[in-house]
Amino acid sequence: MSVIPTILSTRKVKSKDLQGWNDAACTLLQADFITTEAIPFDLTKVNEYLLFTSQNAVRSVLQIDELAVLQSKPTLCVGIKTKELLEQNGWKVKAWAHYAKDLAPILIKDFKQYTITFFSGSMRRDVLPDAFRANNIHFNEFKVYQTVLSPHKISDKVDGLCFYSPSAIQSYLQLNTITDEVCFCIGDTTAEALKEVTQNIVLAEQPTVESTLQACVKYYQ
């Protein structure tokens, strides 16, 4: 009798992201290894374009009193889910890419003449700000949420791990180790954070939670 593999998702996932999971013949464990909290901020100068690199930033901005002013501005974003959330809340997305490194050249080519307001998190990378400074793109930035590590000790033997961010990896490794587990990563940035820990990495076809879980399904079918 074959042993059913056990997979740990380092965030709790929505039922809609579990399409096809029954076909995987796997046991799924779930725990949130990071949480996010909105940071109060004073909205001062707002530039011509708004930039969001995560859904968390969008959700934080949706809570502010000046929302109507912001919704009249065109947006730029990283991630298909970020784009969908913006459009669901009335914004027009003028440019987007799956990764910040892919959005940067688009902004340099097509939006250099505009000013940008960047809504970011406490653990954001420097890819876009560095690109802006190197190409004299005027921007201002508001940190609108913080990422909080929430490590858990996992006592069960797991065969696979699903990671959705470098911060989740950092949180997981505080109380656990990675040995022979297969690590399913949402995207390049997350996979890069694992490369000094393990080479047993499977990259999702698209940088979404659903695609990461589908990578598990395909792997264990």
N, C-alpha and C. Protein backbone atom coordinates (compact mmCIF):
# COMPACT_ATOMS: atom_id res chain seq x y z
N MET A 1 0.86 -1.20 0.00
CA MET A 1 0.00 0.00 0.00
C MET A 1 0.89 1.24 0.00
N SER A 2 0.62 2.17 -0.90
CA SER A 2 1.41 3.40 -0.97
C SER A 2 1.00 4.34 0.14
N VAL A 3 1.98 5.11 0.61
CA VAL A 3 1.73 6.06 1.68
C VAL A 3 1.22 7.36 1.08
N ILE A 4 0.15 7.89 1.66
CA ILE A 4 -0.41 9.15 1.17
C ILE A 4 0.49 10.30 1.64
N PRO A 5 1.02 11.12 0.73
CA PRO A 5 1.90 12.22 1.15
C PRO A 5 1.14 13.31 1.90
N THR A 6 1.83 13.94 2.82
CA THR A 6 1.27 15.04 3.61
C THR A 6 1.93 16.34 3.19
N ILE A 7 1.11 17.33 2.87
CA ILE A 7 1.60 18.63 2.42
C ILE A 7 1.21 19.68 3.45
N LEU A 8 2.14 20.56 3.77
CA LEU A 8 1.85 21.69 4.66
C LEU A 8 1.80 22.97 3.84
N SER A 9 0.66 23.64 3.87
CA SER A 9 0.55 24.98 3.29
C SER A 9 0.85 25.99 4.39
N THR A 10 1.80 26.89 4.14
CA THR A 10 2.21 27.85 5.16
C THR A 10 1.29 29.07 5.22
N ARG A 11 0.12 28.93 4.65
CA ARG A 11 -0.98 29.86 4.88
C ARG A 11 -2.27 29.09 4.70
N LYS A 12 -3.31 29.52 5.38
CA LYS A 12 -4.62 28.90 5.22
C LYS A 12 -5.20 29.37 3.89
N VAL A 13 -5.70 28.41 3.13
CA VAL A 13 -6.12 28.73 1.77
C VAL A 13 -7.64 28.69 1.65
N LYS A 14 -8.14 29.44 0.69
CA LYS A 14 -9.58 29.47 0.44
C LYS A 14 -9.99 28.26 -0.38
N SER A 15 -11.24 27.85 -0.20
CA SER A 15 -11.72 26.65 -0.89
C SER A 15 -11.62 26.79 -2.40
N LYS A 16 -11.78 28.00 -2.91
CA LYS A 16 -11.71 28.19 -4.37
C LYS A 16 -10.31 27.94 -4.92
N ASP A 17 -9.30 28.00 -4.07
CA ASP A 17 -7.93 27.74 -4.50
C ASP A 17 -7.57 26.27 -4.48
N LEU A 18 -8.50 25.43 -4.06
CA LEU A 18 -8.24 23.99 -3.90
C LEU A 18 -8.80 23.16 -5.04
N GLN A 19 -9.03 23.79 -6.20
CA GLN A 19 -9.57 23.06 -7.35
C GLN A 19 -8.63 21.92 -7.73
N GLY A 20 -9.21 20.75 -7.86
CA GLY A 20 -8.41 19.59 -8.26
C GLY A 20 -7.64 18.95 -7.14
N TRP A 21 -7.76 19.49 -5.91
CA TRP A 21 -6.93 18.94 -4.83
C TRP A 21 -7.28 17.48 -4.54
N ASN A 22 -8.54 17.10 -4.67
CA ASN A 22 -8.93 15.71 -4.41
C ASN A 22 -8.22 14.74 -5.33
N ASP A 23 -7.79 15.23 -6.51
CA ASP A 23 -7.08 14.37 -7.45
C ASP A 23 -5.65 14.08 -7.01
N ALA A 24 -5.17 14.83 -6.02
CA ALA A 24 -3.78 14.69 -5.62
C ALA A 24 -3.55 13.51 -4.68
N ALA A 25 -4.61 13.04 -4.05
CA ALA A 25 -4.48 11.96 -3.08
C ALA A 25 -3.45 12.31 -2.01
N CYS A 26 -3.53 13.55 -1.52
CA CYS A 26 -2.63 14.05 -0.50
C CYS A 26 -3.42 14.51 0.72
N THR A 27 -2.76 14.51 1.85
CA THR A 27 -3.31 15.12 3.05
C THR A 27 -2.78 16.55 3.14
N LEU A 28 -3.66 17.52 3.35
CA LEU A 28 -3.25 18.92 3.40
C LEU A 28 -3.36 19.46 4.82
N LEU A 29 -2.24 19.92 5.35
CA LEU A 29 -2.22 20.66 6.61
C LEU A 29 -2.09 22.14 6.29
N GLN A 30 -2.67 22.99 7.13
CA GLN A 30 -2.63 24.43 6.86
C GLN A 30 -2.36 25.21 8.15
N ALA A 31 -1.50 26.21 8.05
CA ALA A 31 -1.25 27.11 9.18
C ALA A 31 -0.72 28.43 8.62
N ASP A 32 -1.13 29.53 9.24
CA ASP A 32 -0.65 30.84 8.82
C ASP A 32 0.69 31.13 9.50
N PHE A 33 1.75 31.17 8.72
CA PHE A 33 3.08 31.44 9.26
C PHE A 33 3.43 32.93 9.25
N ILE A 34 2.61 33.72 8.58
CA ILE A 34 2.74 35.17 8.69
C ILE A 34 1.34 35.77 8.79
N THR A 35 1.26 36.94 9.39
CA THR A 35 0.03 37.72 9.38
C THR A 35 0.38 39.13 8.94
N THR A 36 -0.61 39.88 8.53
CA THR A 36 -0.37 41.27 8.14
C THR A 36 -1.32 42.18 8.92
N GLU A 37 -0.81 43.36 9.22
CA GLU A 37 -1.60 44.34 9.96
C GLU A 37 -1.51 45.69 9.25
N ALA A 38 -2.64 46.35 9.09
CA ALA A 38 -2.66 47.67 8.47
C ALA A 38 -1.90 48.66 9.35
N ILE A 39 -1.16 49.56 8.71
CA ILE A 39 -0.44 50.62 9.41
C ILE A 39 -1.17 51.94 9.13
N PRO A 40 -1.60 52.66 10.16
CA PRO A 40 -2.20 53.98 9.92
C PRO A 40 -1.18 54.90 9.25
N PHE A 41 -1.64 55.69 8.30
CA PHE A 41 -0.73 56.62 7.62
C PHE A 41 -1.50 57.88 7.23
N ASP A 42 -0.77 58.97 7.16
CA ASP A 42 -1.35 60.25 6.74
C ASP A 42 -1.12 60.43 5.25
N LEU A 43 -2.19 60.48 4.50
CA LEU A 43 -2.09 60.64 3.06
C LEU A 43 -1.85 62.11 2.75
N THR A 44 -0.64 62.41 2.34
CA THR A 44 -0.29 63.80 2.00
C THR A 44 -0.38 63.96 0.49
N LYS A 45 0.73 64.11 -0.15
CA LYS A 45 0.71 64.33 -1.60
C LYS A 45 0.44 63.02 -2.35
N VAL A 46 -0.53 63.06 -3.25
CA VAL A 46 -0.85 61.91 -4.09
C VAL A 46 -0.45 62.23 -5.53
N ASN A 47 0.35 61.38 -6.12
CA ASN A 47 0.85 61.62 -7.47
C ASN A 47 -0.13 61.13 -8.55
N GLU A 48 0.34 61.17 -9.79
CA GLU A 48 -0.56 60.89 -10.93
C GLU A 48 -0.99 59.43 -11.00
N TYR A 49 -0.07 58.51 -10.70
CA TYR A 49 -0.36 57.08 -10.73
C TYR A 49 -0.17 56.47 -9.35
N LEU A 50 -0.96 55.45 -9.05
CA LEU A 50 -0.81 54.69 -7.81
C LEU A 50 -0.18 53.35 -8.12
N LEU A 51 0.71 52.90 -7.24
CA LEU A 51 1.40 51.62 -7.43
C LEU A 51 1.15 50.71 -6.23
N PHE A 52 0.69 49.48 -6.52
CA PHE A 52 0.47 48.47 -5.48
C PHE A 52 1.24 47.21 -5.87
N THR A 53 1.94 46.63 -4.91
CA THR A 53 2.67 45.40 -5.20
C THR A 53 2.11 44.19 -4.46
N SER A 54 0.97 44.36 -3.78
CA SER A 54 0.34 43.22 -3.10
C SER A 54 -1.12 43.52 -2.83
N GLN A 55 -1.89 42.45 -2.64
CA GLN A 55 -3.28 42.59 -2.22
C GLN A 55 -3.38 43.22 -0.83
N ASN A 56 -2.40 42.93 0.02
CA ASN A 56 -2.44 43.49 1.38
C ASN A 56 -2.40 45.01 1.35
N ALA A 57 -1.61 45.57 0.45
CA ALA A 57 -1.55 47.02 0.34
C ALA A 57 -2.90 47.59 -0.12
N VAL A 58 -3.53 46.90 -1.06
CA VAL A 58 -4.85 47.35 -1.53
C VAL A 58 -5.85 47.32 -0.38
N ARG A 59 -5.87 46.24 0.36
CA ARG A 59 -6.84 46.10 1.46
C ARG A 59 -6.62 47.19 2.52
N SER A 60 -5.38 47.53 2.78
CA SER A 60 -5.10 48.59 3.76
C SER A 60 -5.61 49.94 3.27
N VAL A 61 -5.37 50.23 2.00
CA VAL A 61 -5.79 51.51 1.44
C VAL A 61 -7.32 51.61 1.38
N LEU A 62 -7.98 50.48 1.19
CA LEU A 62 -9.45 50.49 1.14
C LEU A 62 -10.08 50.97 2.45
N GLN A 63 -9.31 50.98 3.52
CA GLN A 63 -9.85 51.36 4.83
C GLN A 63 -9.78 52.86 5.10
N ILE A 64 -9.11 53.64 4.26
CA ILE A 64 -8.86 55.03 4.61
C ILE A 64 -10.02 55.94 4.19
N ASP A 65 -10.11 57.07 4.84
CA ASP A 65 -11.21 58.01 4.59
C ASP A 65 -11.11 58.66 3.21
N GLU A 66 -9.88 58.80 2.70
CA GLU A 66 -9.67 59.49 1.42
C GLU A 66 -9.80 58.56 0.22
N LEU A 67 -10.46 57.43 0.40
CA LEU A 67 -10.51 56.41 -0.65
C LEU A 67 -11.04 56.96 -1.97
N ALA A 68 -12.08 57.79 -1.93
CA ALA A 68 -12.68 58.29 -3.17
C ALA A 68 -11.68 59.08 -4.00
N VAL A 69 -10.80 59.82 -3.33
CA VAL A 69 -9.76 60.58 -4.05
C VAL A 69 -8.83 59.62 -4.77
N LEU A 70 -8.46 58.54 -4.11
CA LEU A 70 -7.52 57.59 -4.70
C LEU A 70 -8.16 56.79 -5.84
N GLN A 71 -9.43 56.48 -5.72
CA GLN A 71 -10.08 55.66 -6.75
C GLN A 71 -10.21 56.38 -8.09
N SER A 72 -9.98 57.69 -8.09
CA SER A 72 -10.01 58.43 -9.35
C SER A 72 -8.67 58.36 -10.08
N LYS A 73 -7.66 57.76 -9.43
CA LYS A 73 -6.32 57.69 -10.02
C LYS A 73 -6.10 56.37 -10.74
N PRO A 74 -5.40 56.37 -11.87
CA PRO A 74 -5.04 55.11 -12.53
C PRO A 74 -3.97 54.38 -11.71
N THR A 75 -3.92 53.06 -11.87
CA THR A 75 -3.02 52.27 -11.04
C THR A 75 -2.07 51.41 -11.87
N LEU A 76 -1.00 51.00 -11.20
CA LEU A 76 0.01 50.06 -11.69
C LEU A 76 0.15 49.00 -10.60
N CYS A 77 0.42 47.76 -10.96
CA CYS A 77 0.48 46.77 -9.89
C CYS A 77 1.31 45.54 -10.26
N VAL A 78 1.65 44.80 -9.21
CA VAL A 78 2.33 43.51 -9.34
C VAL A 78 1.35 42.42 -8.92
N GLY A 79 1.15 41.43 -9.80
CA GLY A 79 0.33 40.28 -9.46
C GLY A 79 -1.06 40.32 -10.06
N ILE A 80 -1.48 39.19 -10.62
CA ILE A 80 -2.81 39.11 -11.23
C ILE A 80 -3.90 39.24 -10.17
N LYS A 81 -3.67 38.72 -8.97
CA LYS A 81 -4.68 38.82 -7.92
C LYS A 81 -4.79 40.26 -7.42
N THR A 82 -3.66 40.96 -7.38
CA THR A 82 -3.69 42.39 -7.02
C THR A 82 -4.49 43.17 -8.06
N LYS A 83 -4.25 42.87 -9.32
CA LYS A 83 -4.98 43.52 -10.41
C LYS A 83 -6.49 43.28 -10.28
N GLU A 84 -6.87 42.04 -10.02
CA GLU A 84 -8.29 41.70 -9.90
C GLU A 84 -8.93 42.44 -8.73
N LEU A 85 -8.21 42.52 -7.60
CA LEU A 85 -8.76 43.20 -6.43
C LEU A 85 -8.93 44.69 -6.69
N LEU A 86 -7.97 45.29 -7.36
CA LEU A 86 -8.08 46.71 -7.71
C LEU A 86 -9.28 46.95 -8.60
N GLU A 87 -9.44 46.13 -9.63
CA GLU A 87 -10.55 46.32 -10.57
C GLU A 87 -11.90 46.07 -9.89
N GLN A 88 -11.94 45.13 -8.96
CA GLN A 88 -13.18 44.88 -8.23
C GLN A 88 -13.61 46.09 -7.40
N ASN A 89 -12.64 46.93 -7.05
CA ASN A 89 -12.92 48.09 -6.21
C ASN A 89 -12.86 49.41 -6.99
N GLY A 90 -13.02 49.31 -8.30
CA GLY A 90 -13.24 50.51 -9.09
C GLY A 90 -12.03 51.16 -9.72
N TRP A 91 -10.83 50.59 -9.54
CA TRP A 91 -9.65 51.18 -10.14
C TRP A 91 -9.45 50.69 -11.57
N LYS A 92 -8.80 51.52 -12.37
CA LYS A 92 -8.37 51.12 -13.70
C LYS A 92 -6.88 50.83 -13.65
N VAL A 93 -6.51 49.61 -14.02
CA VAL A 93 -5.12 49.19 -14.00
C VAL A 93 -4.52 49.41 -15.38
N LYS A 94 -3.51 50.27 -15.46
CA LYS A 94 -2.91 50.65 -16.74
C LYS A 94 -1.73 49.77 -17.12
N ALA A 95 -1.07 49.16 -16.14
CA ALA A 95 0.04 48.24 -16.43
C ALA A 95 0.23 47.32 -15.23
N TRP A 96 0.59 46.06 -15.52
CA TRP A 96 0.85 45.12 -14.44
C TRP A 96 1.79 44.04 -14.94
N ALA A 97 2.39 43.32 -14.01
CA ALA A 97 3.23 42.16 -14.34
C ALA A 97 3.19 41.22 -13.15
N HIS A 98 3.58 39.97 -13.39
CA HIS A 98 3.57 38.98 -12.30
C HIS A 98 4.61 39.32 -11.24
N TYR A 99 5.74 39.92 -11.66
CA TYR A 99 6.84 40.20 -10.74
C TYR A 99 7.26 41.66 -10.85
N ALA A 100 7.80 42.20 -9.75
CA ALA A 100 8.30 43.57 -9.75
C ALA A 100 9.42 43.74 -10.77
N LYS A 101 10.26 42.73 -10.91
CA LYS A 101 11.39 42.83 -11.85
C LYS A 101 10.89 42.94 -13.30
N ASP A 102 9.70 42.42 -13.58
CA ASP A 102 9.13 42.52 -14.92
C ASP A 102 8.34 43.81 -15.11
N LEU A 103 7.80 44.34 -14.02
CA LEU A 103 7.06 45.60 -14.11
C LEU A 103 8.02 46.78 -14.28
N ALA A 104 9.19 46.70 -13.66
CA ALA A 104 10.13 47.83 -13.69
C ALA A 104 10.45 48.32 -15.10
N PRO A 105 10.84 47.46 -16.05
CA PRO A 105 11.13 47.97 -17.39
C PRO A 105 9.92 48.56 -18.10
N ILE A 106 8.73 48.06 -17.79
CA ILE A 106 7.50 48.62 -18.37
C ILE A 106 7.31 50.05 -17.88
N LEU A 107 7.51 50.26 -16.59
CA LEU A 107 7.35 51.59 -16.02
C LEU A 107 8.40 52.55 -16.55
N ILE A 108 9.62 52.06 -16.70
CA ILE A 108 10.70 52.91 -17.23
C ILE A 108 10.41 53.31 -18.67
N LYS A 109 9.87 52.38 -19.46
CA LYS A 109 9.61 52.64 -20.88
C LYS A 109 8.37 53.51 -21.10
N ASP A 110 7.30 53.20 -20.38
CA ASP A 110 6.00 53.80 -20.71
C ASP A 110 5.50 54.84 -19.71
N PHE A 111 6.10 54.92 -18.52
CA PHE A 111 5.54 55.80 -17.48
C PHE A 111 6.58 56.71 -16.86
N LYS A 112 7.73 56.84 -17.50
CA LYS A 112 8.82 57.63 -16.92
C LYS A 112 8.43 59.08 -16.74
N GLN A 113 7.53 59.58 -17.58
CA GLN A 113 7.17 61.01 -17.53
C GLN A 113 6.14 61.31 -16.45
N TYR A 114 5.62 60.28 -15.79
CA TYR A 114 4.58 60.48 -14.78
C TYR A 114 5.16 60.37 -13.37
N THR A 115 4.40 60.86 -12.40
CA THR A 115 4.77 60.70 -11.00
C THR A 115 3.94 59.58 -10.39
N ILE A 116 4.53 58.90 -9.41
CA ILE A 116 3.92 57.67 -8.88
C ILE A 116 3.87 57.73 -7.35
N THR A 117 2.76 57.29 -6.80
CA THR A 117 2.64 57.08 -5.36
C THR A 117 2.60 55.58 -5.09
N PHE A 118 3.55 55.10 -4.31
CA PHE A 118 3.76 53.67 -4.07
C PHE A 118 3.23 53.32 -2.67
N PHE A 119 2.26 52.40 -2.61
CA PHE A 119 1.74 51.90 -1.34
C PHE A 119 2.39 50.54 -1.08
N SER A 120 3.17 50.45 -0.01
CA SER A 120 4.01 49.27 0.19
C SER A 120 3.83 48.67 1.57
N GLY A 121 4.51 47.54 1.79
CA GLY A 121 4.52 46.87 3.09
C GLY A 121 5.86 47.03 3.77
N SER A 122 5.92 46.57 5.01
CA SER A 122 7.13 46.78 5.82
C SER A 122 8.31 45.94 5.36
N MET A 123 8.06 44.88 4.59
CA MET A 123 9.15 44.00 4.16
C MET A 123 9.29 43.99 2.64
N ARG A 124 9.00 45.11 2.02
CA ARG A 124 9.09 45.17 0.56
C ARG A 124 10.54 45.12 0.10
N ARG A 125 10.74 44.67 -1.12
CA ARG A 125 12.08 44.65 -1.73
C ARG A 125 12.33 45.99 -2.40
N ASP A 126 13.57 46.20 -2.82
CA ASP A 126 13.98 47.50 -3.36
C ASP A 126 13.93 47.58 -4.89
N VAL A 127 13.39 46.54 -5.53
CA VAL A 127 13.45 46.47 -7.00
C VAL A 127 12.87 47.72 -7.66
N LEU A 128 11.65 48.08 -7.29
CA LEU A 128 11.01 49.22 -7.96
C LEU A 128 11.57 50.56 -7.49
N PRO A 129 11.73 50.82 -6.19
CA PRO A 129 12.35 52.09 -5.79
C PRO A 129 13.73 52.30 -6.40
N ASP A 130 14.53 51.25 -6.49
CA ASP A 130 15.85 51.37 -7.11
C ASP A 130 15.73 51.73 -8.59
N ALA A 131 14.77 51.10 -9.27
CA ALA A 131 14.55 51.41 -10.68
C ALA A 131 14.09 52.84 -10.87
N PHE A 132 13.23 53.32 -9.98
CA PHE A 132 12.76 54.70 -10.06
C PHE A 132 13.91 55.69 -9.89
N ARG A 133 14.72 55.45 -8.87
CA ARG A 133 15.83 56.38 -8.60
C ARG A 133 16.85 56.36 -9.73
N ALA A 134 17.12 55.18 -10.27
CA ALA A 134 18.12 55.07 -11.34
C ALA A 134 17.66 55.74 -12.63
N ASN A 135 16.35 55.89 -12.80
CA ASN A 135 15.81 56.43 -14.04
C ASN A 135 15.07 57.76 -13.84
N ASN A 136 15.32 58.38 -12.69
CA ASN A 136 14.76 59.71 -12.40
C ASN A 136 13.23 59.76 -12.50
N ILE A 137 12.60 58.68 -12.04
CA ILE A 137 11.14 58.67 -11.96
C ILE A 137 10.75 59.20 -10.59
N HIS A 138 9.95 60.24 -10.58
CA HIS A 138 9.56 60.85 -9.30
C HIS A 138 8.49 60.00 -8.62
N PHE A 139 8.73 59.64 -7.35
CA PHE A 139 7.73 58.85 -6.61
C PHE A 139 7.78 59.22 -5.13
N ASN A 140 6.68 58.97 -4.46
CA ASN A 140 6.66 58.98 -3.00
C ASN A 140 6.08 57.67 -2.53
N GLU A 141 6.27 57.37 -1.26
CA GLU A 141 5.92 56.04 -0.76
C GLU A 141 5.22 56.14 0.59
N PHE A 142 4.20 55.31 0.75
CA PHE A 142 3.51 55.17 2.03
C PHE A 142 3.54 53.69 2.43
N LYS A 143 4.09 53.39 3.59
CA LYS A 143 4.02 52.02 4.11
C LYS A 143 2.66 51.85 4.78
N VAL A 144 1.87 50.93 4.25
CA VAL A 144 0.47 50.83 4.68
C VAL A 144 0.14 49.52 5.40
N TYR A 145 1.08 48.59 5.45
CA TYR A 145 0.86 47.38 6.25
C TYR A 145 2.20 46.80 6.68
N GLN A 146 2.17 46.04 7.76
CA GLN A 146 3.38 45.36 8.21
C GLN A 146 3.17 43.86 8.23
N THR A 147 4.23 43.13 7.94
CA THR A 147 4.21 41.68 7.97
C THR A 147 4.75 41.20 9.32
N VAL A 148 4.00 40.32 9.96
CA VAL A 148 4.39 39.80 11.28
C VAL A 148 4.62 38.30 11.16
N LEU A 149 5.79 37.83 11.58
CA LEU A 149 6.09 36.40 11.54
C LEU A 149 5.31 35.69 12.64
N SER A 150 4.74 34.53 12.28
CA SER A 150 3.96 33.74 13.24
C SER A 150 4.42 32.28 13.16
N PRO A 151 5.60 31.99 13.69
CA PRO A 151 6.13 30.62 13.56
C PRO A 151 5.33 29.59 14.34
N HIS A 152 5.25 28.38 13.79
CA HIS A 152 4.61 27.24 14.44
C HIS A 152 5.57 26.06 14.38
N LYS A 153 5.64 25.29 15.45
CA LYS A 153 6.40 24.04 15.42
C LYS A 153 5.52 22.95 14.82
N ILE A 154 5.99 22.33 13.76
CA ILE A 154 5.24 21.28 13.08
C ILE A 154 5.77 19.92 13.54
N SER A 155 4.93 19.18 14.24
CA SER A 155 5.36 17.88 14.77
C SER A 155 5.09 16.75 13.78
N ASP A 156 4.12 16.94 12.87
CA ASP A 156 3.82 15.91 11.88
C ASP A 156 4.95 15.80 10.86
N LYS A 157 5.16 14.59 10.37
CA LYS A 157 6.10 14.40 9.26
C LYS A 157 5.42 14.85 7.98
N VAL A 158 6.02 15.80 7.28
CA VAL A 158 5.43 16.28 6.03
C VAL A 158 6.35 15.95 4.86
N ASP A 159 5.74 15.73 3.72
CA ASP A 159 6.49 15.40 2.51
C ASP A 159 6.71 16.62 1.62
N GLY A 160 5.80 17.58 1.72
CA GLY A 160 5.89 18.77 0.88
C GLY A 160 5.52 20.02 1.66
N LEU A 161 6.08 21.13 1.23
CA LEU A 161 5.82 22.42 1.87
C LEU A 161 5.43 23.42 0.80
N CYS A 162 4.37 24.17 1.02
CA CYS A 162 3.97 25.24 0.10
C CYS A 162 4.32 26.58 0.71
N PHE A 163 5.16 27.33 0.00
CA PHE A 163 5.59 28.65 0.46
C PHE A 163 5.10 29.71 -0.52
N TYR A 164 4.64 30.84 0.04
CA TYR A 164 4.07 31.91 -0.78
C TYR A 164 4.82 33.23 -0.64
N SER A 165 5.86 33.25 0.18
CA SER A 165 6.65 34.47 0.35
C SER A 165 7.95 34.14 1.07
N PRO A 166 9.00 34.94 0.87
CA PRO A 166 10.24 34.75 1.65
C PRO A 166 10.01 34.88 3.15
N SER A 167 9.10 35.75 3.56
CA SER A 167 8.85 35.92 4.99
C SER A 167 8.23 34.66 5.61
N ALA A 168 7.42 33.93 4.86
CA ALA A 168 6.87 32.67 5.36
C ALA A 168 7.97 31.64 5.54
N ILE A 169 8.94 31.63 4.64
CA ILE A 169 10.09 30.74 4.78
C ILE A 169 10.86 31.09 6.06
N GLN A 170 11.12 32.37 6.25
CA GLN A 170 11.82 32.83 7.44
C GLN A 170 11.08 32.40 8.71
N SER A 171 9.77 32.55 8.70
CA SER A 171 8.96 32.16 9.85
C SER A 171 9.02 30.65 10.08
N TYR A 172 8.87 29.87 9.02
CA TYR A 172 8.90 28.41 9.14
C TYR A 172 10.22 27.92 9.73
N LEU A 173 11.31 28.50 9.28
CA LEU A 173 12.64 28.03 9.69
C LEU A 173 13.00 28.44 11.11
N GLN A 174 12.22 29.30 11.73
CA GLN A 174 12.50 29.65 13.12
C GLN A 174 12.31 28.46 14.06
N LEU A 175 11.35 27.59 13.74
CA LEU A 175 11.06 26.47 14.64
C LEU A 175 11.13 25.11 13.94
N ASN A 176 11.46 25.10 12.65
CA ASN A 176 11.49 23.86 11.88
C ASN A 176 12.71 23.83 10.98
N THR A 177 13.02 22.65 10.47
CA THR A 177 14.09 22.52 9.49
C THR A 177 13.52 21.92 8.21
N ILE A 178 14.25 22.12 7.12
CA ILE A 178 13.90 21.53 5.83
C ILE A 178 14.98 20.52 5.48
N THR A 179 14.58 19.27 5.26
CA THR A 179 15.55 18.22 4.91
C THR A 179 15.26 17.71 3.51
N ASP A 180 14.39 16.70 3.41
CA ASP A 180 14.09 16.11 2.10
C ASP A 180 12.71 16.49 1.58
N GLU A 181 12.04 17.45 2.22
CA GLU A 181 10.71 17.85 1.77
C GLU A 181 10.78 18.52 0.39
N VAL A 182 9.75 18.29 -0.41
CA VAL A 182 9.61 19.02 -1.68
C VAL A 182 9.01 20.39 -1.35
N CYS A 183 9.65 21.45 -1.82
CA CYS A 183 9.18 22.81 -1.52
C CYS A 183 8.53 23.40 -2.77
N PHE A 184 7.24 23.66 -2.67
CA PHE A 184 6.48 24.24 -3.77
C PHE A 184 6.41 25.75 -3.54
N CYS A 185 6.92 26.51 -4.50
CA CYS A 185 7.06 27.96 -4.32
C CYS A 185 6.17 28.73 -5.28
N ILE A 186 5.57 29.81 -4.78
CA ILE A 186 4.64 30.60 -5.56
C ILE A 186 5.33 31.34 -6.70
N GLY A 187 6.62 31.66 -6.54
CA GLY A 187 7.30 32.42 -7.58
C GLY A 187 8.80 32.47 -7.39
N ASP A 188 9.46 33.21 -8.28
CA ASP A 188 10.92 33.28 -8.32
C ASP A 188 11.52 33.82 -7.02
N THR A 189 10.92 34.88 -6.49
CA THR A 189 11.47 35.52 -5.29
C THR A 189 11.44 34.56 -4.11
N THR A 190 10.35 33.84 -3.96
CA THR A 190 10.23 32.87 -2.88
C THR A 190 11.21 31.71 -3.08
N ALA A 191 11.31 31.22 -4.30
CA ALA A 191 12.26 30.14 -4.59
C ALA A 191 13.70 30.57 -4.31
N GLU A 192 14.03 31.80 -4.66
CA GLU A 192 15.38 32.32 -4.43
C GLU A 192 15.73 32.30 -2.94
N ALA A 193 14.74 32.58 -2.10
CA ALA A 193 14.97 32.60 -0.65
C ALA A 193 15.26 31.21 -0.09
N LEU A 194 14.95 30.17 -0.85
CA LEU A 194 15.16 28.79 -0.40
C LEU A 194 16.44 28.17 -0.92
N LYS A 195 17.10 28.80 -1.85
CA LYS A 195 18.16 28.11 -2.59
C LYS A 195 19.39 27.77 -1.75
N GLU A 196 19.58 28.48 -0.64
CA GLU A 196 20.68 28.12 0.24
C GLU A 196 20.26 27.08 1.28
N VAL A 197 18.97 26.73 1.29
CA VAL A 197 18.44 25.76 2.24
C VAL A 197 18.24 24.40 1.58
N THR A 198 17.71 24.41 0.36
CA THR A 198 17.40 23.18 -0.36
C THR A 198 17.38 23.45 -1.86
N GLN A 199 17.64 22.41 -2.61
CA GLN A 199 17.48 22.48 -4.07
C GLN A 199 16.24 21.73 -4.53
N ASN A 200 15.49 21.20 -3.56
CA ASN A 200 14.30 20.39 -3.87
C ASN A 200 13.10 21.32 -4.01
N ILE A 201 13.09 22.10 -5.09
CA ILE A 201 12.12 23.19 -5.28
C ILE A 201 11.31 22.95 -6.55
N VAL A 202 10.00 23.12 -6.43
CA VAL A 202 9.10 23.09 -7.59
C VAL A 202 8.43 24.46 -7.67
N LEU A 203 8.54 25.09 -8.82
CA LEU A 203 8.00 26.43 -9.02
C LEU A 203 6.60 26.36 -9.64
N ALA A 204 5.68 27.12 -9.09
CA ALA A 204 4.34 27.19 -9.66
C ALA A 204 4.38 27.79 -11.06
N GLU A 205 3.45 27.37 -11.91
CA GLU A 205 3.41 27.89 -13.28
C GLU A 205 3.06 29.37 -13.30
N GLN A 206 2.22 29.81 -12.39
CA GLN A 206 1.89 31.22 -12.23
C GLN A 206 2.02 31.59 -10.76
N PRO A 207 2.37 32.83 -10.45
CA PRO A 207 2.57 33.21 -9.06
C PRO A 207 1.26 33.49 -8.33
N THR A 208 0.47 32.43 -8.13
CA THR A 208 -0.78 32.52 -7.37
C THR A 208 -0.84 31.35 -6.40
N VAL A 209 -1.64 31.50 -5.36
CA VAL A 209 -1.84 30.42 -4.40
C VAL A 209 -2.41 29.19 -5.10
N GLU A 210 -3.41 29.41 -5.94
CA GLU A 210 -4.05 28.30 -6.65
C GLU A 210 -3.05 27.52 -7.49
N SER A 211 -2.19 28.24 -8.20
CA SER A 211 -1.21 27.57 -9.05
C SER A 211 -0.17 26.80 -8.23
N THR A 212 0.17 27.33 -7.07
CA THR A 212 1.12 26.64 -6.18
C THR A 212 0.54 25.31 -5.72
N LEU A 213 -0.72 25.33 -5.34
CA LEU A 213 -1.37 24.09 -4.91
C LEU A 213 -1.54 23.12 -6.08
N GLN A 214 -1.80 23.67 -7.27
CA GLN A 214 -1.92 22.81 -8.45
C GLN A 214 -0.59 22.14 -8.79
N ALA A 215 0.51 22.82 -8.47
CA ALA A 215 1.83 22.20 -8.67
C ALA A 215 1.97 20.96 -7.79
N CYS A 216 1.40 21.01 -6.60
CA CYS A 216 1.39 19.83 -5.72
C CYS A 216 0.59 18.70 -6.36
N VAL A 217 -0.61 19.06 -6.86
CA VAL A 217 -1.48 18.06 -7.47
C VAL A 217 -0.75 17.35 -8.61
N LYS A 218 -0.12 18.11 -9.49
CA LYS A 218 0.59 17.54 -10.62
C LYS A 218 1.76 16.67 -10.17
N TYR A 219 2.46 17.12 -9.15
CA TYR A 219 3.65 16.41 -8.67
C TYR A 219 3.30 15.03 -8.13
N TYR A 220 2.17 14.96 -7.41
CA TYR A 220 1.83 13.71 -6.73
C TYR A 220 0.81 12.86 -7.47
N GLN A 221 0.37 13.29 -8.65
CA GLN A 221 -0.58 12.49 -9.43
C GLN A 221 0.09 11.21 -9.94
